[in-house]
Amino acid sequence: MKREHIFGLHSVQALLKSAPQRVIEIYMVQGRNDQRLQKIVSAAQSNGIHCQVVNRNKLDELVGDENHQGVVAICTPGETYDEAYLFKLIENLNEPAFLLILDGVTDPHNLGACMRSAEAAGVHAVIAPKDKSVGITPIVRKVACGAAEVLPFIPVTNLARTLKNLQEKGIWLFGAAGAAEQSVYECNLTGPIGILMGAEGDGLRRLTQDTCDHLMNIPMAGTVSSLNVSVATGVCLFEAVRQRRVSSD
């Protein structure tokens, strides 16, 4: 049976809440007995999951150099999503679709941070190309602080085709690009939308930019010319959240 290691307090707690049936066993570091860890122990026990106390070296062996925060869950692989799932999800929504589309993000820490912001903003799904971009890894799950356990991440074979299909479903695509003439604060982000963010350093690919309905920038007042992709994602997503809340009042 294939197994995954999910580590970090938030990630393990979210897994126990959303899919406890996946968890085979939980390893906890010896000597730690704080309230946050006790919440995990209680959730595990209520679901009949065994918790084993081990020394720190054992946890370090399981996750390498990553900060496991004293807890590692051994579990079965989670549900995988595809383009068919995406369009079924969109059809069943009772509110305007709100999607995050990442065009070639390769750093797992950036993807994890984007997932965390997306889940907090109420995004329905995160979409990314299968090739030349990072997928859901243990590091992504750790950085996402539980978001990767509840927010669908949908890798697609042909991003340009998926974008066209989204447009045919009535979803407007807004791409973040430094050279855009409009700022994110001037765009109408209240309807069914997909916000597109580009790769670290390179930004959106030309084909992706050409497919977007609108391009938008984040006004920069200082000497720094650009933001980290995860920070920029948070700015754009929560401007959309602000607009959508105002329009629904």
Protein backbone atom coordinates (compact mmCIF):
# COMPACT_ATOMS: atom_id res chain seq x y z
CA MET A 1 0.00 0.00 0.00
CA LYS A 2 1.35 3.41 -0.97
CA ARG A 3 1.80 5.77 1.96
CA GLU A 4 2.34 9.49 2.41
CA HIS A 5 3.91 11.45 5.24
CA ILE A 6 2.02 14.56 6.29
CA PHE A 7 3.72 16.66 8.94
CA GLY A 8 3.21 19.89 10.84
CA LEU A 9 0.58 20.70 13.46
CA HIS A 10 -1.87 22.50 11.18
CA SER A 11 -1.60 19.96 8.37
CA VAL A 12 -2.11 16.91 10.59
CA GLN A 13 -4.97 18.57 12.46
CA ALA A 14 -6.69 19.49 9.19
CA LEU A 15 -6.23 15.94 7.89
CA LEU A 16 -7.81 14.48 11.03
CA LYS A 17 -10.75 16.84 10.60
CA SER A 18 -11.33 16.40 6.85
CA ALA A 19 -10.24 12.82 6.14
CA PRO A 20 -9.40 10.82 9.29
CA GLN A 21 -10.00 7.56 7.39
CA ARG A 22 -6.74 8.20 5.51
CA VAL A 23 -4.58 8.22 8.66
CA ILE A 24 -2.86 4.92 9.49
CA GLU A 25 -0.76 6.06 12.43
CA ILE A 26 0.62 9.22 13.99
CA TYR A 27 4.17 9.64 15.28
CA MET A 28 4.76 12.31 17.94
CA VAL A 29 8.02 13.56 19.35
CA GLN A 30 9.02 12.44 22.82
CA GLY A 31 8.92 15.13 25.50
CA ARG A 32 6.37 17.45 23.93
CA ASN A 33 2.95 17.65 25.58
CA ASP A 34 1.53 21.10 24.81
CA GLN A 35 -2.09 21.98 24.10
CA ARG A 36 -1.73 22.00 20.31
CA LEU A 37 -0.36 18.48 20.25
CA GLN A 38 -2.99 17.31 22.71
CA LYS A 39 -5.71 18.45 20.29
CA ILE A 40 -4.21 16.11 17.70
CA VAL A 41 -4.04 13.26 20.19
CA SER A 42 -7.69 13.77 21.15
CA ALA A 43 -8.81 13.89 17.50
CA ALA A 44 -6.80 10.76 16.72
CA GLN A 45 -8.16 8.84 19.68
CA SER A 46 -11.76 9.76 18.83
CA ASN A 47 -11.18 8.25 15.39
CA GLY A 48 -9.44 5.12 16.70
CA ILE A 49 -6.04 6.13 15.36
CA HIS A 50 -2.92 4.97 17.19
CA CYS A 51 -0.41 7.62 18.30
CA GLN A 52 3.16 6.47 18.87
CA VAL A 53 5.73 8.51 20.80
CA VAL A 54 9.19 8.41 19.18
CA ASN A 55 12.44 10.31 19.47
CA ARG A 56 13.15 13.33 17.26
CA ASN A 57 15.63 11.39 15.11
CA LYS A 58 12.83 9.09 13.95
CA LEU A 59 10.72 12.04 12.79
CA ASP A 60 13.73 13.66 11.15
CA GLU A 61 14.35 10.46 9.18
CA LEU A 62 10.77 10.49 7.91
CA VAL A 63 10.70 14.09 6.63
CA GLY A 64 14.35 15.00 6.06
CA ASP A 65 15.38 18.54 6.92
CA GLU A 66 11.85 19.94 7.08
CA ASN A 67 10.36 21.29 10.30
CA HIS A 68 7.83 18.65 11.33
CA GLN A 69 6.85 20.48 14.55
CA GLY A 70 6.96 17.20 16.41
CA VAL A 71 4.22 15.33 14.58
CA VAL A 72 4.05 13.15 11.44
CA ALA A 73 0.97 11.34 10.15
CA ILE A 74 1.42 8.16 8.11
CA CYS A 75 -1.52 8.04 5.74
CA THR A 76 -2.87 6.73 2.46
CA PRO A 77 -2.78 9.03 -0.60
CA GLY A 78 -5.51 11.63 -0.83
CA GLU A 79 -8.09 12.09 -3.56
CA THR A 80 -6.76 13.20 -6.95
CA TYR A 81 -8.61 15.70 -9.10
CA ASP A 82 -8.79 16.23 -12.86
CA GLU A 83 -10.36 18.59 -15.36
CA ALA A 84 -13.64 16.65 -15.37
CA TYR A 85 -13.90 17.18 -11.62
CA LEU A 86 -13.21 20.90 -12.09
CA PHE A 87 -16.10 21.47 -14.47
CA LYS A 88 -18.46 19.35 -12.39
CA LEU A 89 -17.51 21.46 -9.37
CA ILE A 90 -18.21 24.68 -11.29
CA GLU A 91 -21.59 23.44 -12.50
CA ASN A 92 -22.67 22.59 -8.95
CA LEU A 93 -21.71 25.93 -7.39
CA ASN A 94 -24.48 28.14 -6.02
CA GLU A 95 -22.26 31.22 -6.15
CA PRO A 96 -19.94 32.76 -8.77
CA ALA A 97 -16.87 30.63 -9.39
CA PHE A 98 -13.67 31.87 -7.77
CA LEU A 99 -10.56 30.11 -9.09
CA LEU A 100 -6.80 30.53 -8.69
CA ILE A 101 -4.70 29.47 -11.67
CA LEU A 102 -0.93 29.16 -11.25
CA ASP A 103 1.10 29.15 -14.44
CA GLY A 104 4.33 27.33 -13.67
CA VAL A 105 5.00 27.89 -9.95
CA THR A 106 7.90 25.56 -9.14
CA ASP A 107 8.78 26.31 -5.50
CA PRO A 108 6.80 24.14 -3.05
CA HIS A 109 6.99 26.85 -0.40
CA ASN A 110 5.36 29.32 -2.81
CA LEU A 111 2.66 26.85 -3.80
CA GLY A 112 1.93 26.08 -0.15
CA ALA A 113 1.63 29.78 0.66
CA CYS A 114 -0.64 30.32 -2.37
CA MET A 115 -2.84 27.41 -1.28
CA ARG A 116 -3.09 28.85 2.22
CA SER A 117 -4.15 32.28 0.92
CA ALA A 118 -6.56 30.72 -1.58
CA GLU A 119 -8.33 28.64 1.05
CA ALA A 120 -8.59 31.62 3.38
CA ALA A 121 -10.05 33.73 0.55
CA GLY A 122 -12.74 31.17 -0.28
CA VAL A 123 -11.31 30.03 -3.61
CA HIS A 124 -13.12 26.96 -4.97
CA ALA A 125 -10.12 25.30 -6.65
CA VAL A 126 -6.48 25.86 -7.57
CA ILE A 127 -5.44 24.90 -11.11
CA ALA A 128 -1.91 24.38 -12.43
CA PRO A 129 -0.22 22.69 -15.41
CA LYS A 130 1.13 19.18 -14.77
CA ASP A 131 4.46 19.91 -16.45
CA LYS A 132 7.11 22.37 -15.29
CA SER A 133 5.33 23.19 -12.04
CA VAL A 134 5.30 21.74 -8.56
CA GLY A 135 2.46 19.51 -7.40
CA ILE A 136 1.23 18.72 -3.91
CA THR A 137 4.22 17.54 -1.88
CA PRO A 138 4.71 17.09 1.88
CA ILE A 139 6.44 20.48 1.97
CA VAL A 140 3.49 22.10 0.18
CA ARG A 141 1.11 20.53 2.70
CA LYS A 142 3.21 21.78 5.62
CA VAL A 143 3.42 25.36 4.33
CA ALA A 144 -0.26 25.37 3.37
CA CYS A 145 -1.15 24.80 7.06
CA GLY A 146 -4.06 22.50 6.30
CA ALA A 147 -5.32 24.19 3.13
CA ALA A 148 -4.02 21.38 0.91
CA GLU A 149 -6.25 18.93 2.77
CA VAL A 150 -9.48 20.77 1.97
CA LEU A 151 -8.91 22.83 -1.18
CA PRO A 152 -8.94 20.93 -4.51
CA PHE A 153 -5.67 21.22 -6.42
CA ILE A 154 -6.25 20.34 -10.07
CA PRO A 155 -3.28 19.62 -12.36
CA VAL A 156 -4.16 19.87 -16.07
CA THR A 157 -2.34 18.57 -19.13
CA ASN A 158 -3.00 21.55 -21.39
CA LEU A 159 -3.47 24.82 -19.48
CA ALA A 160 -4.36 26.88 -22.56
CA ARG A 161 -7.15 24.45 -23.45
CA THR A 162 -8.45 24.47 -19.89
CA LEU A 163 -8.52 28.27 -19.90
CA LYS A 164 -10.54 28.29 -23.13
CA ASN A 165 -12.97 25.79 -21.64
CA LEU A 166 -13.35 27.97 -18.55
CA GLN A 167 -14.14 30.97 -20.72
CA GLU A 168 -16.78 28.97 -22.55
CA LYS A 169 -18.38 28.33 -19.13
CA GLY A 170 -18.62 32.07 -18.58
CA ILE A 171 -15.59 32.52 -16.36
CA TRP A 172 -13.58 35.71 -16.85
CA LEU A 173 -9.81 35.35 -16.65
CA PHE A 174 -7.71 38.05 -14.99
CA GLY A 175 -3.95 37.67 -15.35
CA ALA A 176 -1.40 39.42 -13.16
CA ALA A 177 1.28 41.12 -15.26
CA GLY A 178 3.60 43.96 -14.35
CA ALA A 179 3.19 45.62 -17.76
CA ALA A 180 -0.61 45.69 -17.56
CA GLU A 181 -2.24 49.10 -17.93
CA GLN A 182 -5.00 48.43 -15.39
CA SER A 183 -4.39 47.82 -11.70
CA VAL A 184 -6.05 45.04 -9.73
CA TYR A 185 -8.03 47.75 -7.92
CA GLU A 186 -9.57 48.94 -11.20
CA CYS A 187 -10.75 45.51 -12.33
CA ASN A 188 -14.23 44.15 -11.66
CA LEU A 189 -13.58 40.90 -9.79
CA THR A 190 -17.12 40.29 -8.55
CA GLY A 191 -18.42 37.69 -11.02
CA PRO A 192 -17.26 34.20 -11.99
CA ILE A 193 -13.50 34.66 -12.29
CA GLY A 194 -10.15 32.96 -12.48
CA ILE A 195 -7.10 34.88 -11.22
CA LEU A 196 -3.91 33.85 -12.99
CA MET A 197 -0.47 34.19 -11.43
CA GLY A 198 2.79 33.46 -13.20
CA ALA A 199 5.96 31.61 -12.34
CA GLU A 200 8.65 32.91 -10.03
CA GLY A 201 10.73 35.44 -11.93
CA ASP A 202 9.21 34.90 -15.38
CA GLY A 203 5.56 35.64 -14.69
CA LEU A 204 2.79 34.46 -16.99
CA ARG A 205 3.78 32.80 -20.24
CA ARG A 206 2.94 34.73 -23.41
CA LEU A 207 0.28 32.24 -24.51
CA THR A 208 -1.36 32.44 -21.10
CA GLN A 209 -1.34 36.23 -21.17
CA ASP A 210 -2.89 36.24 -24.63
CA THR A 211 -5.68 33.96 -23.44
CA CYS A 212 -6.65 36.19 -20.49
CA ASP A 213 -9.66 38.46 -20.82
CA HIS A 214 -7.92 41.16 -18.77
CA LEU A 215 -4.42 41.82 -17.47
CA MET A 216 -3.85 43.66 -14.21
CA ASN A 217 -0.92 44.92 -12.18
CA ILE A 218 -0.26 45.57 -8.51
CA PRO A 219 0.78 49.24 -8.10
CA MET A 220 4.24 49.47 -6.55
CA ALA A 221 5.15 52.60 -4.57
CA GLY A 222 8.63 51.64 -3.44
CA THR A 223 11.89 50.77 -5.18
CA VAL A 224 11.16 47.02 -5.31
CA SER A 225 9.96 46.16 -8.81
CA SER A 226 7.92 43.05 -8.02
CA LEU A 227 6.48 40.89 -5.25
CA ASN A 228 6.99 37.23 -4.46
CA VAL A 229 4.31 35.22 -6.27
CA SER A 230 2.66 34.06 -3.05
CA VAL A 231 2.47 37.63 -1.72
CA ALA A 232 1.11 38.91 -5.03
CA THR A 233 -1.44 36.10 -5.03
CA GLY A 234 -2.67 37.16 -1.60
CA VAL A 235 -3.02 40.78 -2.71
CA CYS A 236 -5.07 39.87 -5.79
CA LEU A 237 -7.24 37.28 -4.07
CA PHE A 238 -8.19 39.51 -1.18
CA GLU A 239 -8.96 42.47 -3.42
CA ALA A 240 -11.42 40.11 -5.12
CA VAL A 241 -12.77 39.12 -1.68
CA ARG A 242 -13.27 42.78 -0.79
CA GLN A 243 -15.13 43.53 -4.01
CA ARG A 244 -17.29 40.42 -3.78
CA ARG A 245 -18.33 41.23 -0.21
CA VAL A 246 -19.21 44.81 -1.10
CA SER A 247 -21.28 43.70 -4.10
CA SER A 248 -23.24 41.19 -2.00
CA ASP A 249 -24.18 43.73 0.70
